[in-house]
Protein backbone atom coordinates (compact mmCIF):
# COMPACT_ATOMS: atom_id res chain seq x y z
CA MET A 1 92.02 109.51 84.38
CA ILE A 2 95.09 107.92 82.82
CA LYS A 3 94.99 104.12 82.78
CA VAL A 4 98.42 102.51 82.75
CA LEU A 5 98.78 98.83 81.84
CA HIS A 6 101.85 97.21 83.41
CA PHE A 7 102.94 93.99 81.71
CA VAL A 8 104.70 91.82 84.31
CA THR A 9 105.25 88.18 85.21
CA VAL A 10 103.35 88.19 88.50
CA MET A 11 102.96 90.88 91.18
CA ASP A 12 105.03 89.23 93.88
CA ARG A 13 107.03 91.07 96.52
CA ALA A 14 110.18 91.52 94.42
CA GLY A 15 112.26 94.48 93.25
CA GLN A 16 110.53 95.91 90.18
CA GLU A 17 107.09 94.95 91.49
CA THR A 18 107.75 96.70 94.80
CA PHE A 19 108.86 99.79 92.90
CA ILE A 20 105.64 99.83 90.86
CA MET A 21 103.61 99.49 94.06
CA ASN A 22 105.53 102.31 95.73
CA VAL A 23 104.59 104.56 92.81
CA TYR A 24 100.94 103.47 92.87
CA ARG A 25 100.62 104.09 96.60
CA THR A 26 101.81 107.67 96.25
CA ALA A 27 99.92 108.48 93.03
CA ASP A 28 96.71 110.50 92.98
CA ARG A 29 94.36 107.64 92.20
CA SER A 30 91.66 110.01 90.98
CA LYS A 31 94.09 110.77 88.12
CA TYR A 32 95.89 107.45 87.61
CA LYS A 33 94.74 103.85 87.55
CA PHE A 34 97.20 100.96 87.29
CA ASN A 35 96.11 97.72 85.66
CA PHE A 36 98.39 94.68 85.55
CA LEU A 37 98.64 92.09 82.81
CA CYS A 38 100.44 89.02 84.17
CA ASP A 39 101.76 86.07 82.18
CA THR A 40 101.90 83.76 85.21
CA HIS A 41 98.53 82.42 86.30
CA ARG A 42 98.60 82.56 90.07
CA LYS A 43 97.84 85.06 92.79
CA GLY A 44 100.66 87.50 93.47
CA ASP A 45 101.69 88.92 96.84
CA TYR A 46 100.40 92.39 95.92
CA ASP A 47 97.14 91.39 94.19
CA ASP A 48 94.84 92.19 97.11
CA GLU A 49 96.44 95.59 97.69
CA ILE A 50 96.23 96.42 93.98
CA LYS A 51 92.50 95.79 94.05
CA GLU A 52 92.11 97.85 97.24
CA LEU A 53 93.84 100.73 95.47
CA GLY A 54 91.43 100.46 92.56
CA GLY A 55 93.67 98.62 90.12
CA GLY A 56 92.91 95.52 88.08
CA ILE A 57 94.65 92.15 87.66
CA PHE A 58 94.42 90.41 84.29
CA TYR A 59 96.11 87.36 82.81
CA LEU A 60 97.57 86.73 79.38
CA PRO A 61 96.45 83.31 78.05
CA GLU A 62 99.13 80.74 78.74
CA ARG A 63 101.66 79.90 76.04
CA GLN A 64 101.92 76.32 74.83
CA SER A 65 105.59 76.72 73.94
CA ASN A 66 108.41 78.04 76.11
CA HIS A 67 111.36 77.59 73.77
CA GLY A 68 112.81 79.10 70.62
CA PHE A 69 111.19 81.35 68.07
CA LYS A 70 107.87 79.52 68.41
CA ARG A 71 107.61 80.89 71.96
CA TYR A 72 108.03 84.49 70.75
CA LYS A 73 105.63 84.01 67.84
CA GLU A 74 102.98 82.69 70.19
CA GLU A 75 103.55 85.45 72.74
CA ILE A 76 103.21 88.12 70.06
CA SER A 77 99.89 86.63 68.97
CA LEU A 78 98.51 86.29 72.50
CA LEU A 79 99.56 89.79 73.57
CA LYS A 80 98.26 91.35 70.34
CA GLU A 81 94.84 89.72 70.74
CA TRP A 82 94.60 90.76 74.40
CA LEU A 83 95.53 94.36 73.62
CA ILE A 84 92.98 94.54 70.79
CA SER A 85 90.21 93.05 72.96
CA ASN A 86 90.92 95.21 76.02
CA LYS A 87 91.56 98.72 74.74
CA ASP A 88 89.40 100.11 77.56
CA LYS A 89 91.98 98.85 80.10
CA TYR A 90 94.81 101.20 79.09
CA ASP A 91 95.86 104.59 77.74
CA CYS A 92 99.51 103.58 77.72
CA VAL A 93 101.34 100.27 78.04
CA HIS A 94 104.31 100.00 80.40
CA LEU A 95 106.36 96.87 79.71
CA HIS A 96 108.90 95.71 82.29
CA THR A 97 111.68 93.46 81.00
CA HIS A 98 115.42 92.86 80.79
CA HIS A 99 116.12 91.29 77.38
CA ALA A 100 115.95 92.86 73.92
CA LEU A 101 114.30 89.76 72.40
CA ASP A 102 111.41 90.17 74.83
CA VAL A 103 111.30 93.88 74.00
CA TRP A 104 111.04 92.99 70.30
CA ALA A 105 108.16 90.57 70.93
CA HIS A 106 106.30 93.15 73.05
CA LEU A 107 106.85 95.95 70.54
CA GLU A 108 105.74 93.81 67.62
CA ALA A 109 102.56 92.81 69.48
CA CYS A 110 101.88 96.49 70.18
CA ARG A 111 102.49 97.38 66.54
CA GLN A 112 100.05 94.74 65.33
CA ALA A 113 97.48 95.92 67.91
CA ASN A 114 98.02 99.55 66.84
CA VAL A 115 99.14 100.60 70.33
CA LYS A 116 101.01 103.91 70.13
CA ASN A 117 101.74 104.85 73.75
CA ILE A 118 104.45 102.38 74.70
CA ILE A 119 106.99 102.50 77.53
CA ILE A 120 109.77 99.91 77.86
CA HIS A 121 111.44 99.78 81.28
CA SER A 122 114.83 98.13 81.82
CA HIS A 123 115.38 96.60 85.26
CA SER A 124 118.65 94.70 84.79
CA THR A 125 122.22 95.13 83.58
CA THR A 126 122.90 91.79 81.87
CA GLY A 127 121.26 88.53 80.88
CA GLU A 128 121.45 85.43 78.73
CA ASN A 129 122.00 85.04 74.95
CA ILE A 130 124.02 88.24 74.73
CA GLY A 131 124.68 87.94 70.98
CA LEU A 132 120.98 87.72 70.11
CA HIS A 133 120.27 90.45 72.65
CA LYS A 134 122.61 92.89 70.91
CA ILE A 135 121.14 92.15 67.48
CA ALA A 136 117.58 92.58 68.76
CA ARG A 137 118.61 95.79 70.54
CA VAL A 138 119.71 97.40 67.28
CA PHE A 139 116.60 96.15 65.46
CA ASN A 140 114.29 97.60 68.12
CA ASN A 141 115.94 101.01 68.04
CA VAL A 142 115.77 101.23 64.24
CA PHE A 143 112.31 99.87 63.50
CA TYR A 144 110.12 100.81 66.48
CA LYS A 145 109.13 104.00 68.26
CA PHE A 146 108.82 103.71 72.02
CA ASN A 147 109.71 105.50 75.25
CA LYS A 148 112.83 104.22 76.98
CA LEU A 149 113.05 104.01 80.78
CA ALA A 150 115.71 102.40 82.96
CA CYS A 151 116.34 101.99 86.67
CA SER A 152 119.99 103.00 86.22
CA LYS A 153 122.41 104.19 83.55
CA ASP A 154 123.89 100.68 83.26
CA ALA A 155 120.43 99.14 82.89
CA GLY A 156 119.72 101.61 80.09
CA ASP A 157 122.99 100.77 78.33
CA TRP A 158 122.18 97.07 78.55
CA LEU A 159 118.67 97.15 77.07
CA TYR A 160 118.98 100.02 74.57
CA GLY A 161 122.71 100.54 73.96
CA LYS A 162 125.00 103.43 74.87
CA SER A 163 124.10 105.24 71.64
CA GLN A 164 120.59 105.76 73.05
CA ARG A 165 121.61 107.47 76.30
CA LYS A 166 120.14 110.83 75.28
CA ASN A 167 116.78 109.11 74.67
CA ILE A 168 116.62 107.24 78.00
CA SER A 169 114.91 108.49 81.15
CA VAL A 170 116.59 107.04 84.24
CA ILE A 171 114.05 106.61 87.02
CA TYR A 172 115.55 105.37 90.25
CA ASN A 173 113.69 102.75 92.25
CA GLY A 174 112.21 104.95 94.96
CA ILE A 175 111.21 103.78 98.42
CA ASP A 176 109.43 105.18 101.47
CA VAL A 177 112.62 106.18 103.25
CA ASP A 178 111.04 106.54 106.70
CA GLU A 179 109.75 102.96 106.62
CA PHE A 180 113.28 101.58 106.38
CA LYS A 181 115.20 103.73 108.83
CA TYR A 182 116.74 101.88 111.76
CA SER A 183 114.47 101.29 114.75
CA GLU A 184 115.64 99.88 118.09
CA ASN A 185 112.05 98.87 118.85
CA ASN A 186 111.80 96.90 115.60
CA ARG A 187 115.14 95.28 116.29
CA ASN A 188 114.03 94.08 119.69
CA LYS A 189 110.62 92.91 118.39
CA ILE A 190 112.04 90.83 115.53
CA ARG A 191 114.84 89.39 117.63
CA LYS A 192 112.27 88.32 120.21
CA GLU A 193 110.04 86.79 117.51
CA PHE A 194 112.88 84.62 116.19
CA ASN A 195 114.60 84.06 119.53
CA LEU A 196 117.81 85.66 118.31
CA ALA A 197 119.01 87.20 121.58
CA ASP A 198 122.58 88.45 121.03
CA LYS A 199 123.29 86.42 117.91
CA THR A 200 125.04 87.93 114.91
CA VAL A 201 122.41 88.06 112.16
CA ILE A 202 123.52 87.96 108.55
CA GLY A 203 120.56 88.96 106.40
CA HIS A 204 119.45 88.54 102.82
CA VAL A 205 116.18 89.55 101.14
CA GLY A 206 115.32 88.20 97.71
CA ARG A 207 113.53 85.55 95.69
CA PHE A 208 115.01 82.07 95.62
CA THR A 209 116.20 82.17 92.01
CA LYS A 210 119.50 81.42 90.32
CA LEU A 211 120.08 85.15 89.88
CA LYS A 212 120.29 85.75 93.65
CA ASN A 213 123.15 83.26 94.09
CA HIS A 214 121.98 81.71 97.37
CA THR A 215 124.41 78.81 96.93
CA PHE A 216 127.41 81.10 97.23
CA LEU A 217 125.74 82.87 100.14
CA LEU A 218 125.39 79.54 101.99
CA ASP A 219 129.03 78.69 101.35
CA VAL A 220 130.04 82.06 102.79
CA PHE A 221 127.83 81.64 105.84
CA SER A 222 129.00 78.07 106.44
CA SER A 223 132.60 79.29 106.61
CA TYR A 224 131.72 82.31 108.75
CA HIS A 225 129.69 80.15 111.15
CA GLN A 226 132.78 78.09 111.88
CA ILE A 227 134.55 81.15 113.30
CA ASN A 228 131.39 82.59 114.88
CA PRO A 229 129.04 79.81 116.00
CA ASN A 230 126.81 82.46 117.62
CA SER A 231 125.56 83.54 114.19
CA VAL A 232 122.48 82.94 112.06
CA LEU A 233 121.60 83.53 108.44
CA MET A 234 118.13 84.95 107.84
CA LEU A 235 116.72 84.44 104.34
CA VAL A 236 113.64 86.50 103.52
CA GLY A 237 111.58 85.60 100.46
CA LYS A 238 110.30 82.65 98.48
CA GLY A 239 110.89 81.21 95.03
CA GLU A 240 111.33 78.17 92.85
CA LEU A 241 114.73 77.22 94.30
CA GLU A 242 113.71 77.41 97.96
CA GLU A 243 113.51 73.62 98.44
CA GLU A 244 116.89 73.18 96.77
CA ILE A 245 118.44 75.75 99.13
CA GLN A 246 116.79 74.09 102.13
CA LYS A 247 118.31 70.79 101.03
CA ARG A 248 121.73 72.43 100.80
CA VAL A 249 121.31 73.82 104.32
CA LYS A 250 120.76 70.28 105.61
CA GLU A 251 123.82 69.01 103.74
CA LEU A 252 125.87 71.69 105.51
CA ASN A 253 124.32 70.78 108.90
CA LEU A 254 123.08 74.34 109.34
CA GLU A 255 119.38 73.66 109.99
CA ASP A 256 119.56 75.33 113.42
CA SER A 257 121.39 78.37 112.10
CA VAL A 258 119.54 79.31 108.89
CA ILE A 259 116.10 80.90 109.15
CA PHE A 260 113.65 80.85 106.23
CA THR A 261 111.06 83.55 106.92
CA GLY A 262 109.06 83.26 103.71
CA THR A 263 107.52 86.41 102.25
CA ARG A 264 107.16 89.23 104.77
CA ASP A 265 105.49 92.63 104.61
CA ASP A 266 107.71 94.09 107.37
CA VAL A 267 111.10 94.10 105.63
CA GLY A 268 111.98 97.41 107.28
CA ALA A 269 111.62 95.85 110.72
CA LEU A 270 113.61 92.77 109.69
CA LEU A 271 116.47 94.93 108.43
CA SER A 272 116.72 96.56 111.85
CA ALA A 273 117.26 93.09 113.33
CA PHE A 274 120.16 92.32 110.95
CA ASP A 275 123.79 93.07 111.74
CA ILE A 276 124.94 92.97 108.13
CA PHE A 277 123.33 92.60 104.70
CA VAL A 278 125.00 90.23 102.24
CA PHE A 279 124.02 90.37 98.56
CA PRO A 280 125.99 88.20 96.10
CA SER A 281 123.55 88.36 93.13
CA PHE A 282 125.02 87.46 89.76
CA PHE A 283 123.58 90.71 88.39
CA GLU A 284 121.09 93.42 89.33
CA GLY A 285 119.63 96.52 87.71
CA LEU A 286 119.18 98.86 90.63
CA SER A 287 118.12 96.73 93.57
CA VAL A 288 115.27 98.08 95.68
CA VAL A 289 116.23 96.00 98.70
CA LEU A 290 119.83 97.20 98.48
CA ILE A 291 118.56 100.77 98.83
CA GLU A 292 116.32 99.71 101.72
CA ALA A 293 119.23 98.04 103.53
CA GLN A 294 121.39 101.14 103.20
CA CYS A 295 118.58 103.38 104.42
CA ASN A 296 118.57 101.20 107.52
CA GLY A 297 122.25 102.00 108.04
CA LEU A 298 123.39 98.41 107.60
CA PRO A 299 126.86 97.53 106.42
CA VAL A 300 126.45 95.89 103.02
CA ILE A 301 128.62 93.46 101.11
CA ALA A 302 127.56 92.99 97.49
CA ASN A 303 128.86 91.68 94.20
CA THR A 304 130.95 94.12 92.17
CA ASN A 305 128.45 94.20 89.29
CA ILE A 306 125.65 96.10 91.05
CA ALA A 307 124.66 99.53 89.71
CA LYS A 308 127.02 102.02 91.34
CA GLU A 309 124.21 104.62 91.31
CA GLY A 310 122.59 102.50 94.01
CA ILE A 311 125.35 103.14 96.54
CA ILE A 312 124.06 105.80 98.93
CA SER A 313 125.99 105.08 102.14
CA ASN A 314 129.63 104.87 103.18
CA SER A 315 129.22 101.31 104.43
CA VAL A 316 129.06 99.33 101.17
CA ILE A 317 131.83 96.93 100.17
CA LEU A 318 131.83 95.45 96.65
CA LEU A 319 133.58 92.11 96.17
CA PRO A 320 133.87 89.66 93.29
CA ILE A 321 132.25 86.29 93.91
CA ASP A 322 135.48 84.37 93.45
CA SER A 323 136.61 84.00 97.06
CA VAL A 324 134.47 82.78 99.96
CA GLU A 325 137.29 83.65 102.35
CA ASN A 326 137.29 87.30 101.22
CA TRP A 327 133.56 87.61 101.93
CA VAL A 328 133.95 85.92 105.33
CA ASN A 329 136.77 88.26 106.35
CA ASN A 330 134.73 91.32 105.41
CA ILE A 331 131.64 90.06 107.25
CA ASN A 332 133.78 89.54 110.30
CA ALA A 333 135.21 93.07 110.03
CA LEU A 334 131.96 94.95 109.26
CA SER A 335 129.21 93.14 111.14
CA GLY A 336 127.28 95.40 113.50
CA LYS A 337 128.89 98.63 112.26
CA ARG A 338 125.90 100.69 111.21
CA THR A 339 126.31 104.07 109.56
CA LYS A 340 124.33 107.30 109.64
CA ASN A 341 126.11 108.70 106.58
CA ILE A 342 123.32 108.03 104.06
CA GLU A 343 122.16 110.04 101.03
CA TYR A 344 118.43 109.37 101.00
CA GLU A 345 117.13 112.08 98.70
CA LYS A 346 117.38 110.72 95.16
CA PHE A 347 115.61 107.49 96.17
CA ASP A 348 112.71 109.11 97.98
CA VAL A 349 109.61 107.58 96.40
CA LYS A 350 107.82 110.94 96.33
CA LYS A 351 110.41 112.27 93.89
CA THR A 352 110.68 109.16 91.73
CA SER A 353 106.90 108.80 91.66
CA ASP A 354 106.46 112.37 90.43
CA LYS A 355 108.96 111.71 87.63
CA ILE A 356 107.30 108.57 86.34
CA LEU A 357 103.77 109.96 86.61
CA SER A 358 104.86 113.01 84.59
CA ILE A 359 106.15 110.62 81.92
CA TYR A 360 102.73 108.97 81.75
CA ASP A 361 101.19 112.42 81.30
CA LYS A 362 103.57 113.30 78.46
CA VAL A 363 103.26 109.93 76.69
CA VAL A 364 99.47 109.97 76.73
CA LYS A 365 99.24 113.64 75.73
CA LYS A 366 101.70 113.11 72.88
CA GLY A 367 99.81 110.05 71.65
CA LYS A 368 96.45 111.83 71.36
């Protein structure tokens, strides 16, 4: 059995975590075991399911510092000590991140712990401290040996640099396609649950974080609601900015027209109840929920910076986030116009799961 240690923040119902779970569900669990090392000390949305599948949840000791070089020095020490003390928990280490400084800290901890089978996985296309990121990116490529994965070509370019393209394996974020196909029964069930009747439902699925740009989304909906009062905005998810967004909803006098569902395990059913999916994130790697929304046939309006490899239907409009009016006009034009012209194949979880599991096989075999 190959034991894979995933290093993550917490196993909540978010993009990269959902992708990992999709792989684990389809894997032969007599051959693969997934353990998870989390650096946030709280129960994640997927923890119970992970344990049911035979996986383990572990926690890195908490850092005392969260700023500057001291933070990285401490993280290297903590991760090194954990890896040395828990060698029975892994045959390879799969680190999920988006910034080259974090990659450096993880690789240095692995070096000091004499871990050889290392996979770094890029899940984003941009981030903060770009100058330091580029310096660390070069340093990592020169001084460390590791396997490079990315959810898209752009995500690979961001974390490793274009010069590394031949060394990067792009693994798309696969989903269970059938779970997210449009269902009239699901549409009726969800609309009954939330008393939506014939309302126009603008939907968004994502954590309440700065990245997801909920503030702009609310501004767009507020303007749209003025021309279509028979509309609601449904926000699926949770996160540290949820209270701030709820406060903004009250300031806009939209309490009766914005629905906060919290975390849900029936996103496929919720998508069927939407009339349009609106996604103004500041940046994304290759968004799982964007693929899910397209599989449902929904018209989608998203920021121009999403990974173009994630466009699989003919009903996606990309707009810059510089004009609320432009987004409102497109919502008005596209709402309710589902499509059946969808290219499902390359995001079928069975295919993406086979690819990543074969990489685990090769990495472990090569490291022996």
